[in-house]
């Protein structure tokens, strides 16, 4: 917190490695004192913990493995580093832990007053709607329409042509609107756009 908050370059890089080394030291000392491990293995636990902690926080297993290998100057730990990094990545993914840089970006944008909706990355849906004559969208430019929140108009199909939408693109009857949204918003977006286009949903 102190390192990143100071605004110094590479503010969280060294703390990640330092915290990982401390975790490895504590783990190694616990094994030495309670499980009677040889104290010579503490250095190995420090190296492995640095790679595991770095990977879990940054979510970059290959980078963590190569980085710690380069720091130690030895390839003797390469296989064990790779295994620890992969396990750390899997555990962080199962626990739905976000990469640190992504979390910092979200907090930065939030502090700047940006209102951004982050949907589920793996659950997207594409909807297609036909525009009917006399509907709310008939003859309007895209920028004039109050579109439902959490959806994106990605294309307008007109006959055999597919138009990339711009603010001044006019919507005509017979056009097909291709909309991208999150899967958990499909029902709401479908209801709103059915009313706006005057036609039912064509493709999901």
N, C-alpha and C. Protein backbone atom coordinates (compact mmCIF):
# COMPACT_ATOMS: atom_id res chain seq x y z
N UNK A 1 0.84 -1.21 0.00
CA UNK A 1 0.00 0.00 0.00
C UNK A 1 0.87 1.26 0.00
N UNK A 2 1.90 1.25 0.83
CA UNK A 2 2.77 2.43 0.90
C UNK A 2 3.56 2.60 -0.39
N UNK A 3 4.04 1.48 -0.95
CA UNK A 3 4.85 1.55 -2.17
C UNK A 3 4.02 2.02 -3.37
N UNK A 4 2.85 1.43 -3.55
CA UNK A 4 2.01 1.82 -4.69
C UNK A 4 1.44 3.22 -4.48
N UNK A 5 1.03 3.52 -3.25
CA UNK A 5 0.45 4.83 -2.97
C UNK A 5 1.42 5.98 -3.16
N UNK A 6 2.72 5.70 -3.07
CA UNK A 6 3.72 6.77 -3.24
C UNK A 6 3.83 7.20 -4.69
N UNK A 7 3.34 6.37 -5.62
CA UNK A 7 3.42 6.70 -7.04
C UNK A 7 4.77 6.40 -7.65
N UNK A 8 5.64 5.70 -6.91
CA UNK A 8 6.96 5.36 -7.44
C UNK A 8 6.85 4.36 -8.57
N UNK A 9 7.75 4.44 -9.57
CA UNK A 9 7.70 3.47 -10.68
C UNK A 9 7.88 2.05 -10.16
N UNK A 10 7.09 1.12 -10.71
CA UNK A 10 7.17 -0.27 -10.27
C UNK A 10 6.73 -0.44 -8.83
N UNK A 11 5.73 0.32 -8.43
CA UNK A 11 5.34 0.39 -7.03
C UNK A 11 4.92 -0.91 -6.38
N UNK A 12 4.35 -1.85 -7.13
CA UNK A 12 3.88 -3.08 -6.49
C UNK A 12 4.75 -4.28 -6.85
N UNK A 13 5.72 -4.09 -7.72
CA UNK A 13 6.53 -5.22 -8.17
C UNK A 13 7.41 -5.76 -7.05
N UNK A 14 8.21 -4.90 -6.46
CA UNK A 14 9.09 -5.34 -5.37
C UNK A 14 8.31 -5.83 -4.16
N UNK A 15 7.23 -5.16 -3.73
CA UNK A 15 6.45 -5.69 -2.61
C UNK A 15 5.90 -7.09 -2.86
N UNK A 16 5.50 -7.38 -4.10
CA UNK A 16 5.00 -8.73 -4.40
C UNK A 16 6.06 -9.79 -4.12
N UNK A 17 7.28 -9.51 -4.58
CA UNK A 17 8.36 -10.46 -4.36
C UNK A 17 8.75 -10.53 -2.89
N UNK A 18 8.74 -9.39 -2.22
CA UNK A 18 9.13 -9.36 -0.80
C UNK A 18 8.12 -10.13 0.05
N UNK A 19 6.83 -9.90 -0.21
CA UNK A 19 5.79 -10.61 0.56
C UNK A 19 5.85 -12.11 0.28
N UNK A 20 6.07 -12.47 -0.99
CA UNK A 20 6.22 -13.89 -1.33
C UNK A 20 7.40 -14.51 -0.60
N UNK A 21 8.52 -13.79 -0.53
CA UNK A 21 9.69 -14.30 0.18
C UNK A 21 9.41 -14.47 1.67
N UNK A 22 8.67 -13.53 2.25
CA UNK A 22 8.32 -13.64 3.67
C UNK A 22 7.41 -14.84 3.94
N UNK A 23 6.46 -15.05 3.04
CA UNK A 23 5.57 -16.21 3.18
C UNK A 23 6.37 -17.50 3.11
N UNK A 24 7.29 -17.58 2.15
CA UNK A 24 8.13 -18.77 2.03
C UNK A 24 9.00 -18.98 3.26
N UNK A 25 9.52 -17.88 3.82
CA UNK A 25 10.35 -17.98 5.02
C UNK A 25 9.55 -18.52 6.20
N UNK A 26 8.35 -17.96 6.40
CA UNK A 26 7.50 -18.41 7.51
C UNK A 26 7.10 -19.88 7.35
N UNK A 27 6.77 -20.25 6.12
CA UNK A 27 6.38 -21.64 5.86
C UNK A 27 7.56 -22.58 6.10
N UNK A 28 8.72 -22.18 5.60
CA UNK A 28 9.90 -23.01 5.79
C UNK A 28 10.29 -23.15 7.25
N UNK A 29 10.21 -22.05 8.01
CA UNK A 29 10.55 -22.10 9.43
C UNK A 29 9.56 -22.97 10.20
N UNK A 30 8.28 -22.92 9.79
CA UNK A 30 7.28 -23.76 10.45
C UNK A 30 7.58 -25.23 10.21
N UNK A 31 7.98 -25.58 9.01
CA UNK A 31 8.32 -26.98 8.71
C UNK A 31 9.58 -27.42 9.46
N UNK A 32 10.54 -26.51 9.58
CA UNK A 32 11.77 -26.84 10.29
C UNK A 32 11.50 -27.07 11.77
N UNK A 33 10.67 -26.21 12.36
CA UNK A 33 10.42 -26.29 13.80
C UNK A 33 9.44 -27.39 14.21
N UNK A 34 8.43 -27.61 13.35
CA UNK A 34 7.39 -28.55 13.73
C UNK A 34 7.48 -29.90 13.01
N UNK A 35 8.04 -29.90 11.81
CA UNK A 35 8.14 -31.15 11.05
C UNK A 35 9.58 -31.65 10.95
N UNK A 36 10.51 -30.91 11.58
CA UNK A 36 11.92 -31.28 11.64
C UNK A 36 12.56 -31.40 10.25
N UNK A 37 12.17 -30.48 9.36
CA UNK A 37 12.84 -30.40 8.06
C UNK A 37 14.24 -29.83 8.26
N UNK A 38 15.10 -30.13 7.32
CA UNK A 38 16.44 -29.53 7.34
C UNK A 38 16.32 -28.05 6.99
N UNK A 39 16.97 -27.18 7.73
CA UNK A 39 16.87 -25.74 7.52
C UNK A 39 17.44 -25.31 6.17
N UNK A 40 18.20 -26.18 5.52
CA UNK A 40 18.78 -25.82 4.22
C UNK A 40 17.69 -25.64 3.16
N UNK A 41 16.49 -26.22 3.41
CA UNK A 41 15.41 -26.13 2.42
C UNK A 41 14.63 -24.82 2.50
N UNK A 42 14.90 -24.00 3.50
CA UNK A 42 14.17 -22.74 3.63
C UNK A 42 14.37 -21.87 2.40
N UNK A 43 15.57 -21.86 1.85
CA UNK A 43 15.83 -21.06 0.64
C UNK A 43 14.96 -21.52 -0.52
N UNK A 44 14.75 -22.83 -0.61
CA UNK A 44 13.89 -23.34 -1.68
C UNK A 44 12.45 -22.88 -1.50
N UNK A 45 11.97 -22.89 -0.26
CA UNK A 45 10.61 -22.43 -0.01
C UNK A 45 10.45 -20.94 -0.32
N UNK A 46 11.49 -20.17 -0.05
CA UNK A 46 11.45 -18.73 -0.37
C UNK A 46 11.28 -18.53 -1.87
N UNK A 47 12.07 -19.26 -2.65
CA UNK A 47 12.01 -19.14 -4.12
C UNK A 47 10.65 -19.57 -4.66
N UNK A 48 10.15 -20.69 -4.18
CA UNK A 48 8.87 -21.20 -4.65
C UNK A 48 7.72 -20.28 -4.25
N UNK A 49 7.77 -19.76 -3.04
CA UNK A 49 6.70 -18.87 -2.57
C UNK A 49 6.68 -17.56 -3.35
N UNK A 50 7.84 -17.05 -3.73
CA UNK A 50 7.89 -15.83 -4.53
C UNK A 50 7.19 -16.05 -5.88
N UNK A 51 7.48 -17.17 -6.51
CA UNK A 51 6.85 -17.47 -7.80
C UNK A 51 5.35 -17.69 -7.65
N UNK A 52 4.95 -18.44 -6.62
CA UNK A 52 3.53 -18.71 -6.41
C UNK A 52 2.74 -17.46 -6.09
N UNK A 53 3.28 -16.63 -5.20
CA UNK A 53 2.56 -15.41 -4.82
C UNK A 53 2.47 -14.43 -5.99
N UNK A 54 3.56 -14.30 -6.74
CA UNK A 54 3.57 -13.42 -7.91
C UNK A 54 2.53 -13.88 -8.92
N UNK A 55 2.49 -15.18 -9.18
CA UNK A 55 1.54 -15.72 -10.16
C UNK A 55 0.10 -15.54 -9.71
N UNK A 56 -0.18 -15.78 -8.44
CA UNK A 56 -1.54 -15.67 -7.93
C UNK A 56 -2.04 -14.24 -7.99
N UNK A 57 -1.17 -13.29 -7.75
CA UNK A 57 -1.59 -11.89 -7.72
C UNK A 57 -1.66 -11.29 -9.12
N UNK A 58 -0.65 -11.54 -9.93
CA UNK A 58 -0.58 -10.95 -11.28
C UNK A 58 -1.28 -11.82 -12.31
N UNK A 59 -1.45 -13.10 -12.01
CA UNK A 59 -2.04 -14.09 -12.92
C UNK A 59 -1.21 -14.24 -14.18
N UNK A 60 0.09 -14.42 -13.99
CA UNK A 60 1.01 -14.62 -15.11
C UNK A 60 1.99 -15.72 -14.75
N UNK A 61 1.59 -17.00 -14.92
CA UNK A 61 2.45 -18.12 -14.49
C UNK A 61 3.77 -18.22 -15.23
N UNK A 62 3.75 -17.98 -16.54
CA UNK A 62 5.00 -18.09 -17.31
C UNK A 62 5.96 -16.98 -16.90
N UNK A 63 5.43 -15.78 -16.76
CA UNK A 63 6.28 -14.66 -16.33
C UNK A 63 6.88 -14.92 -14.96
N UNK A 64 6.05 -15.43 -14.04
CA UNK A 64 6.54 -15.71 -12.69
C UNK A 64 7.64 -16.76 -12.70
N UNK A 65 7.45 -17.81 -13.49
CA UNK A 65 8.45 -18.87 -13.56
C UNK A 65 9.77 -18.36 -14.12
N UNK A 66 9.70 -17.65 -15.24
CA UNK A 66 10.91 -17.16 -15.89
C UNK A 66 11.60 -16.09 -15.03
N UNK A 67 10.80 -15.24 -14.41
CA UNK A 67 11.35 -14.16 -13.59
C UNK A 67 12.16 -14.70 -12.41
N UNK A 68 11.57 -15.63 -11.68
CA UNK A 68 12.26 -16.17 -10.51
C UNK A 68 13.45 -17.02 -10.93
N UNK A 69 13.34 -17.72 -12.05
CA UNK A 69 14.48 -18.49 -12.57
C UNK A 69 15.64 -17.57 -12.89
N UNK A 70 15.32 -16.44 -13.52
CA UNK A 70 16.37 -15.47 -13.85
C UNK A 70 16.99 -14.86 -12.59
N UNK A 71 16.15 -14.60 -11.58
CA UNK A 71 16.66 -14.01 -10.35
C UNK A 71 17.60 -14.97 -9.61
N UNK A 72 17.28 -16.25 -9.62
CA UNK A 72 18.11 -17.22 -8.92
C UNK A 72 19.35 -17.59 -9.73
N UNK A 73 19.29 -17.40 -11.04
CA UNK A 73 20.43 -17.73 -11.88
C UNK A 73 20.69 -19.21 -12.00
N UNK A 74 19.64 -20.01 -11.74
CA UNK A 74 19.80 -21.46 -11.80
C UNK A 74 18.55 -22.09 -12.39
N UNK A 75 18.76 -23.17 -13.18
CA UNK A 75 17.64 -23.89 -13.78
C UNK A 75 17.23 -25.10 -12.94
N UNK A 76 17.85 -25.27 -11.81
CA UNK A 76 17.55 -26.44 -10.99
C UNK A 76 16.15 -26.41 -10.40
N UNK A 77 15.58 -25.20 -10.27
CA UNK A 77 14.24 -25.07 -9.70
C UNK A 77 13.16 -24.87 -10.77
N UNK A 78 13.53 -24.96 -12.03
CA UNK A 78 12.60 -24.60 -13.11
C UNK A 78 11.32 -25.43 -13.07
N UNK A 79 11.44 -26.74 -12.93
CA UNK A 79 10.26 -27.60 -12.93
C UNK A 79 9.37 -27.33 -11.72
N UNK A 80 9.96 -27.23 -10.55
CA UNK A 80 9.17 -26.97 -9.34
C UNK A 80 8.53 -25.59 -9.40
N UNK A 81 9.24 -24.61 -9.95
CA UNK A 81 8.66 -23.26 -10.10
C UNK A 81 7.46 -23.30 -11.03
N UNK A 82 7.57 -24.05 -12.12
CA UNK A 82 6.47 -24.15 -13.09
C UNK A 82 5.26 -24.80 -12.44
N UNK A 83 5.48 -25.86 -11.65
CA UNK A 83 4.36 -26.55 -11.00
C UNK A 83 3.67 -25.63 -9.99
N UNK A 84 4.48 -24.96 -9.16
CA UNK A 84 3.91 -24.05 -8.15
C UNK A 84 3.15 -22.91 -8.83
N UNK A 85 3.69 -22.37 -9.91
CA UNK A 85 3.04 -21.25 -10.61
C UNK A 85 1.70 -21.69 -11.21
N UNK A 86 1.66 -22.87 -11.80
CA UNK A 86 0.42 -23.37 -12.39
C UNK A 86 -0.63 -23.62 -11.32
N UNK A 87 -0.21 -24.23 -10.21
CA UNK A 87 -1.15 -24.48 -9.11
C UNK A 87 -1.67 -23.16 -8.54
N UNK A 88 -0.79 -22.18 -8.38
CA UNK A 88 -1.21 -20.87 -7.87
C UNK A 88 -2.20 -20.20 -8.81
N UNK A 89 -1.95 -20.33 -10.11
CA UNK A 89 -2.85 -19.74 -11.10
C UNK A 89 -4.23 -20.40 -11.04
N UNK A 90 -4.25 -21.73 -10.93
CA UNK A 90 -5.51 -22.47 -10.89
C UNK A 90 -6.30 -22.11 -9.63
N UNK A 91 -5.62 -22.06 -8.50
CA UNK A 91 -6.29 -21.72 -7.24
C UNK A 91 -6.87 -20.31 -7.30
N UNK A 92 -6.10 -19.36 -7.82
CA UNK A 92 -6.59 -17.98 -7.93
C UNK A 92 -7.78 -17.90 -8.87
N UNK A 93 -7.75 -18.70 -9.94
CA UNK A 93 -8.86 -18.70 -10.89
C UNK A 93 -10.11 -19.31 -10.27
N UNK A 94 -9.95 -20.39 -9.52
CA UNK A 94 -11.09 -21.04 -8.86
C UNK A 94 -11.72 -20.10 -7.83
N UNK A 95 -10.89 -19.35 -7.13
CA UNK A 95 -11.38 -18.40 -6.12
C UNK A 95 -11.88 -17.09 -6.73
N UNK A 96 -11.83 -17.00 -8.08
CA UNK A 96 -12.30 -15.81 -8.80
C UNK A 96 -11.57 -14.55 -8.37
N UNK A 97 -10.28 -14.68 -8.11
CA UNK A 97 -9.46 -13.53 -7.76
C UNK A 97 -9.05 -12.78 -9.02
N UNK A 98 -9.28 -11.48 -9.06
CA UNK A 98 -8.95 -10.69 -10.24
C UNK A 98 -7.45 -10.38 -10.27
N UNK A 99 -6.85 -10.29 -11.46
CA UNK A 99 -5.46 -9.85 -11.55
C UNK A 99 -5.30 -8.46 -10.92
N UNK A 100 -4.19 -8.23 -10.27
CA UNK A 100 -3.99 -6.99 -9.52
C UNK A 100 -4.07 -5.76 -10.40
N UNK A 101 -3.51 -5.84 -11.60
CA UNK A 101 -3.51 -4.66 -12.47
C UNK A 101 -4.92 -4.34 -12.97
N UNK A 102 -5.72 -5.36 -13.19
CA UNK A 102 -7.11 -5.14 -13.59
C UNK A 102 -7.90 -4.49 -12.46
N UNK A 103 -7.67 -4.95 -11.23
CA UNK A 103 -8.35 -4.37 -10.07
C UNK A 103 -7.94 -2.91 -9.87
N UNK A 104 -6.65 -2.64 -10.03
CA UNK A 104 -6.17 -1.27 -9.87
C UNK A 104 -6.76 -0.35 -10.94
N UNK A 105 -6.91 -0.87 -12.16
CA UNK A 105 -7.51 -0.08 -13.23
C UNK A 105 -8.96 0.26 -12.91
N UNK A 106 -9.71 -0.72 -12.42
CA UNK A 106 -11.11 -0.48 -12.06
C UNK A 106 -11.22 0.58 -10.97
N UNK A 107 -10.36 0.48 -9.95
CA UNK A 107 -10.40 1.46 -8.86
C UNK A 107 -10.00 2.85 -9.35
N UNK A 108 -9.03 2.89 -10.26
CA UNK A 108 -8.60 4.19 -10.80
C UNK A 108 -9.72 4.84 -11.59
N UNK A 109 -10.39 4.05 -12.45
CA UNK A 109 -11.49 4.60 -13.24
C UNK A 109 -12.65 5.02 -12.34
N UNK A 110 -12.89 4.25 -11.29
CA UNK A 110 -13.95 4.61 -10.34
C UNK A 110 -13.62 5.92 -9.62
N UNK A 111 -12.35 6.09 -9.27
CA UNK A 111 -11.95 7.33 -8.59
C UNK A 111 -12.04 8.55 -9.51
N UNK A 112 -11.97 8.29 -10.83
CA UNK A 112 -12.08 9.38 -11.80
C UNK A 112 -13.54 9.68 -12.18
N UNK A 113 -14.46 8.96 -11.55
CA UNK A 113 -15.87 9.20 -11.81
C UNK A 113 -16.42 8.44 -12.99
N UNK A 114 -15.63 7.51 -13.55
CA UNK A 114 -16.09 6.71 -14.68
C UNK A 114 -17.04 5.62 -14.18
N UNK A 115 -18.22 5.53 -14.77
CA UNK A 115 -19.17 4.50 -14.42
C UNK A 115 -19.13 3.41 -15.49
N UNK A 116 -18.50 2.31 -15.14
CA UNK A 116 -18.31 1.22 -16.09
C UNK A 116 -18.95 -0.04 -15.55
N UNK A 117 -19.69 -0.72 -16.42
CA UNK A 117 -20.32 -1.98 -16.03
C UNK A 117 -19.45 -3.12 -16.54
N UNK A 118 -18.94 -3.93 -15.62
CA UNK A 118 -18.12 -5.07 -15.99
C UNK A 118 -18.98 -6.33 -15.92
N UNK A 119 -19.31 -6.88 -17.07
CA UNK A 119 -20.12 -8.08 -17.10
C UNK A 119 -19.26 -9.32 -17.02
N UNK A 120 -19.92 -10.46 -17.11
CA UNK A 120 -19.21 -11.72 -17.06
C UNK A 120 -18.55 -11.95 -18.42
N UNK A 121 -17.22 -12.12 -18.39
CA UNK A 121 -16.47 -12.19 -19.63
C UNK A 121 -16.84 -13.41 -20.46
N UNK A 122 -17.18 -14.51 -19.81
CA UNK A 122 -17.40 -15.76 -20.53
C UNK A 122 -18.85 -15.92 -20.96
N UNK A 123 -19.75 -15.02 -20.59
CA UNK A 123 -21.17 -15.19 -20.87
C UNK A 123 -21.71 -14.00 -21.65
N UNK A 124 -21.48 -14.00 -22.94
CA UNK A 124 -21.99 -12.96 -23.82
C UNK A 124 -23.07 -13.54 -24.73
N UNK A 125 -23.97 -12.67 -25.16
CA UNK A 125 -25.03 -13.11 -26.05
C UNK A 125 -25.19 -12.10 -27.18
N UNK A 126 -25.45 -12.60 -28.38
CA UNK A 126 -25.71 -11.74 -29.54
C UNK A 126 -27.17 -11.88 -29.92
N UNK A 127 -27.85 -10.75 -29.96
CA UNK A 127 -29.27 -10.73 -30.32
C UNK A 127 -29.44 -10.00 -31.64
N UNK A 128 -30.44 -10.42 -32.41
CA UNK A 128 -30.71 -9.78 -33.70
C UNK A 128 -32.20 -9.42 -33.77
N UNK A 129 -32.48 -8.18 -34.12
CA UNK A 129 -33.86 -7.69 -34.16
C UNK A 129 -34.13 -7.04 -35.52
N UNK A 130 -35.31 -7.30 -36.05
CA UNK A 130 -35.75 -6.65 -37.28
C UNK A 130 -36.50 -5.37 -36.94
N UNK A 131 -36.24 -4.32 -37.71
CA UNK A 131 -36.91 -3.03 -37.50
C UNK A 131 -38.16 -2.98 -38.37
N UNK A 132 -39.31 -2.72 -37.76
CA UNK A 132 -40.58 -2.70 -38.48
C UNK A 132 -40.98 -1.27 -38.86
N UNK A 133 -41.84 -1.15 -39.84
CA UNK A 133 -42.34 0.14 -40.29
C UNK A 133 -43.15 0.79 -39.17
N UNK A 134 -42.88 2.06 -38.94
CA UNK A 134 -43.62 2.81 -37.93
C UNK A 134 -43.16 2.58 -36.51
N UNK A 135 -42.06 1.84 -36.34
CA UNK A 135 -41.56 1.59 -34.99
C UNK A 135 -40.84 2.82 -34.45
N UNK A 136 -40.45 2.76 -33.21
CA UNK A 136 -39.77 3.87 -32.55
C UNK A 136 -38.44 4.22 -33.22
N UNK A 137 -37.80 3.22 -33.85
CA UNK A 137 -36.49 3.43 -34.48
C UNK A 137 -36.58 3.82 -35.95
N UNK A 138 -37.74 3.72 -36.54
CA UNK A 138 -37.92 3.96 -37.98
C UNK A 138 -37.49 5.39 -38.34
N UNK A 139 -36.43 5.48 -39.20
CA UNK A 139 -35.98 6.77 -39.71
C UNK A 139 -35.11 7.57 -38.76
N UNK A 140 -34.73 7.02 -37.65
CA UNK A 140 -33.91 7.76 -36.69
C UNK A 140 -32.43 7.45 -36.87
N UNK A 141 -31.61 8.45 -36.53
CA UNK A 141 -30.18 8.22 -36.48
C UNK A 141 -29.84 7.49 -35.17
N UNK A 142 -28.76 6.72 -35.20
CA UNK A 142 -28.39 5.94 -34.02
C UNK A 142 -28.15 6.83 -32.81
N UNK A 143 -27.55 7.99 -33.02
CA UNK A 143 -27.25 8.89 -31.90
C UNK A 143 -28.50 9.51 -31.30
N UNK A 144 -29.61 9.45 -32.02
CA UNK A 144 -30.85 10.02 -31.50
C UNK A 144 -31.64 9.03 -30.63
N UNK A 145 -31.20 7.79 -30.61
CA UNK A 145 -31.94 6.74 -29.90
C UNK A 145 -31.41 6.59 -28.48
N UNK A 146 -32.31 6.47 -27.52
CA UNK A 146 -31.93 6.19 -26.14
C UNK A 146 -31.87 4.67 -25.97
N UNK A 147 -30.68 4.12 -26.18
CA UNK A 147 -30.52 2.67 -26.16
C UNK A 147 -30.55 2.14 -24.73
N UNK A 148 -31.00 0.91 -24.53
CA UNK A 148 -30.97 0.31 -23.19
C UNK A 148 -29.54 0.22 -22.67
N UNK A 149 -29.38 0.30 -21.37
CA UNK A 149 -28.05 0.21 -20.78
C UNK A 149 -27.52 -1.22 -20.87
N UNK A 150 -26.21 -1.35 -20.86
CA UNK A 150 -25.51 -2.63 -20.86
C UNK A 150 -25.71 -3.42 -22.15
N UNK A 151 -25.85 -2.71 -23.26
CA UNK A 151 -25.90 -3.40 -24.55
C UNK A 151 -25.10 -2.58 -25.56
N UNK A 152 -24.64 -3.24 -26.62
CA UNK A 152 -23.82 -2.59 -27.63
C UNK A 152 -24.34 -2.96 -29.01
N UNK A 153 -24.67 -1.95 -29.81
CA UNK A 153 -25.08 -2.17 -31.20
C UNK A 153 -23.82 -2.37 -32.02
N UNK A 154 -23.59 -3.60 -32.49
CA UNK A 154 -22.33 -3.90 -33.18
C UNK A 154 -22.45 -3.85 -34.70
N UNK A 155 -23.66 -3.99 -35.24
CA UNK A 155 -23.81 -3.97 -36.69
C UNK A 155 -25.26 -3.74 -37.08
N UNK A 156 -25.45 -3.23 -38.30
CA UNK A 156 -26.79 -3.08 -38.89
C UNK A 156 -26.77 -3.81 -40.22
N UNK A 157 -27.58 -4.85 -40.35
CA UNK A 157 -27.66 -5.59 -41.61
C UNK A 157 -28.75 -4.99 -42.48
N UNK A 158 -28.36 -4.63 -43.68
CA UNK A 158 -29.31 -4.03 -44.63
C UNK A 158 -29.19 -4.79 -45.94
N UNK A 159 -30.14 -5.69 -46.19
CA UNK A 159 -30.04 -6.54 -47.36
C UNK A 159 -28.87 -7.49 -47.21
N UNK A 160 -27.99 -7.49 -48.23
CA UNK A 160 -26.81 -8.35 -48.17
C UNK A 160 -25.62 -7.66 -47.53
N UNK A 161 -25.78 -6.39 -47.16
CA UNK A 161 -24.67 -5.62 -46.62
C UNK A 161 -24.78 -5.52 -45.10
N UNK A 162 -23.62 -5.47 -44.48
CA UNK A 162 -23.55 -5.30 -43.02
C UNK A 162 -22.83 -3.98 -42.74
N UNK A 163 -23.53 -3.07 -42.10
CA UNK A 163 -23.02 -1.71 -41.88
C UNK A 163 -22.48 -1.60 -40.46
N UNK A 164 -21.28 -1.04 -40.34
CA UNK A 164 -20.76 -0.73 -39.02
C UNK A 164 -21.44 0.55 -38.53
N UNK A 165 -22.12 0.49 -37.41
CA UNK A 165 -22.94 1.63 -36.99
C UNK A 165 -22.10 2.84 -36.57
N UNK A 166 -22.58 4.01 -36.97
CA UNK A 166 -22.01 5.29 -36.55
C UNK A 166 -23.15 6.12 -36.00
N UNK A 167 -22.79 7.22 -35.37
CA UNK A 167 -23.83 8.06 -34.77
C UNK A 167 -24.82 8.60 -35.78
N UNK A 168 -24.35 8.87 -37.01
CA UNK A 168 -25.24 9.45 -38.03
C UNK A 168 -25.87 8.40 -38.94
N UNK A 169 -25.68 7.11 -38.62
CA UNK A 169 -26.30 6.05 -39.41
C UNK A 169 -27.80 6.05 -39.17
N UNK A 170 -28.56 6.11 -40.26
CA UNK A 170 -30.02 6.13 -40.16
C UNK A 170 -30.56 4.70 -40.20
N UNK A 171 -31.51 4.42 -39.32
CA UNK A 171 -32.13 3.09 -39.26
C UNK A 171 -33.41 3.10 -40.09
N UNK A 172 -33.54 2.13 -41.00
CA UNK A 172 -34.70 2.04 -41.88
C UNK A 172 -35.47 0.75 -41.59
N UNK A 173 -36.75 0.75 -41.93
CA UNK A 173 -37.53 -0.49 -41.80
C UNK A 173 -36.91 -1.60 -42.64
N UNK A 174 -36.87 -2.80 -42.09
CA UNK A 174 -36.24 -3.92 -42.78
C UNK A 174 -34.80 -4.14 -42.36
N UNK A 175 -34.21 -3.17 -41.65
CA UNK A 175 -32.86 -3.36 -41.13
C UNK A 175 -32.88 -4.40 -40.01
N UNK A 176 -31.77 -5.08 -39.85
CA UNK A 176 -31.60 -6.00 -38.73
C UNK A 176 -30.51 -5.45 -37.81
N UNK A 177 -30.85 -5.27 -36.56
CA UNK A 177 -29.91 -4.73 -35.58
C UNK A 177 -29.26 -5.89 -34.83
N UNK A 178 -27.94 -5.92 -34.84
CA UNK A 178 -27.19 -6.96 -34.11
C UNK A 178 -26.65 -6.34 -32.85
N UNK A 179 -27.07 -6.88 -31.71
CA UNK A 179 -26.77 -6.29 -30.41
C UNK A 179 -26.00 -7.30 -29.56
N UNK A 180 -24.96 -6.81 -28.90
CA UNK A 180 -24.16 -7.63 -27.98
C UNK A 180 -24.48 -7.22 -26.55
N UNK A 181 -24.70 -8.20 -25.69
CA UNK A 181 -25.00 -7.91 -24.29
C UNK A 181 -24.51 -9.06 -23.43
N UNK A 182 -24.60 -8.90 -22.12
CA UNK A 182 -24.25 -9.97 -21.20
C UNK A 182 -25.42 -10.94 -21.08
N UNK A 183 -25.09 -12.20 -20.87
CA UNK A 183 -26.12 -13.24 -20.84
C UNK A 183 -27.17 -12.99 -19.76
N UNK A 184 -26.73 -12.41 -18.64
CA UNK A 184 -27.68 -12.17 -17.56
C UNK A 184 -28.58 -10.97 -17.82
N UNK A 185 -28.34 -10.25 -18.95
CA UNK A 185 -29.17 -9.10 -19.29
C UNK A 185 -30.04 -9.36 -20.51
N UNK A 186 -29.98 -10.59 -21.04
CA UNK A 186 -30.68 -10.90 -22.29
C UNK A 186 -32.16 -10.62 -22.19
N UNK A 187 -32.81 -11.07 -21.14
CA UNK A 187 -34.25 -10.91 -21.00
C UNK A 187 -34.67 -9.44 -21.02
N UNK A 188 -33.95 -8.62 -20.25
CA UNK A 188 -34.29 -7.19 -20.17
C UNK A 188 -34.03 -6.49 -21.50
N UNK A 189 -32.88 -6.77 -22.13
CA UNK A 189 -32.56 -6.15 -23.42
C UNK A 189 -33.55 -6.60 -24.49
N UNK A 190 -33.92 -7.86 -24.47
CA UNK A 190 -34.87 -8.39 -25.44
C UNK A 190 -36.22 -7.67 -25.33
N UNK A 191 -36.71 -7.51 -24.11
CA UNK A 191 -38.00 -6.84 -23.92
C UNK A 191 -37.95 -5.39 -24.40
N UNK A 192 -36.86 -4.69 -24.08
CA UNK A 192 -36.74 -3.27 -24.47
C UNK A 192 -36.66 -3.10 -25.97
N UNK A 193 -35.85 -3.93 -26.62
CA UNK A 193 -35.65 -3.76 -28.06
C UNK A 193 -36.83 -4.28 -28.88
N UNK A 194 -37.55 -5.24 -28.37
CA UNK A 194 -38.77 -5.68 -29.06
C UNK A 194 -39.76 -4.53 -29.13
N UNK A 195 -39.87 -3.77 -28.06
CA UNK A 195 -40.77 -2.61 -28.05
C UNK A 195 -40.26 -1.53 -29.00
N UNK A 196 -38.94 -1.29 -28.98
CA UNK A 196 -38.37 -0.21 -29.80
C UNK A 196 -38.42 -0.52 -31.29
N UNK A 197 -38.19 -1.81 -31.66
CA UNK A 197 -38.17 -2.15 -33.08
C UNK A 197 -39.55 -2.52 -33.61
N UNK A 198 -40.46 -2.86 -32.71
CA UNK A 198 -41.79 -3.23 -33.15
C UNK A 198 -41.85 -4.65 -33.69
N UNK A 199 -40.75 -5.40 -33.60
CA UNK A 199 -40.70 -6.77 -34.10
C UNK A 199 -40.09 -7.66 -33.02
N UNK A 200 -40.25 -8.96 -33.20
CA UNK A 200 -39.73 -9.91 -32.23
C UNK A 200 -38.23 -10.13 -32.51
N UNK A 201 -37.61 -10.78 -31.55
CA UNK A 201 -36.19 -11.15 -31.69
C UNK A 201 -36.06 -12.23 -32.75
N UNK A 202 -35.01 -12.08 -33.61
CA UNK A 202 -34.81 -13.02 -34.70
C UNK A 202 -33.84 -14.14 -34.32
N UNK A 203 -32.71 -13.76 -33.68
CA UNK A 203 -31.67 -14.75 -33.41
C UNK A 203 -31.03 -14.47 -32.07
N UNK A 204 -30.78 -15.50 -31.32
CA UNK A 204 -30.11 -15.35 -30.02
C UNK A 204 -28.83 -16.15 -30.04
